[in-house]
Amino acid sequence: MYCLVCDKLINKVVTIKNIFKTPKDHICEYCFTKHLMINRLDVIPIDDYRLFVNSIFEDYDLAEAMMSFLKPYYIYYLKTNKNQIIMYFDTFNKGVYNIIKTTKLSDIYLICLKNEMEKENDYED
């Protein structure tokens, strides 16, 4: 398997036990260490409900390369919030916020790789 960011071969020892298993990671260790993993949770009140934005990275090159790191978040949210709405976006920006704001649903848990709405006044109308 090759890294999706730098196209280098990801070293994997192939044995009889794992010859037909597909690798989970699509990024090499070098490219992954270039990205700062922040795992920040922002709670945004919208009318009668709350929007929980869990941003994982500060910046990333390719979303497909980072997808393998989302599984623990999905498992956690599905176990703890069975009756809640869980959404995923590569980037959380003003356009996504405006669409979610107009839905008027219950509490929403949003997982994103990058949060582009850093300033608090971005959440106001």
Foldseek 3Di string as FASTA:
>chain_A
DAAPPPRHDADDDDDPVCPPPDDLARHHPVQVVVWDFDQDWDWDDADPAIEIEGATTADHDDLVRCVSVCVVVVVVCCVPPVPEAEEEDQEADLVNLVVVSPPPDHYYYYYYHHYPCPDPCSNPD
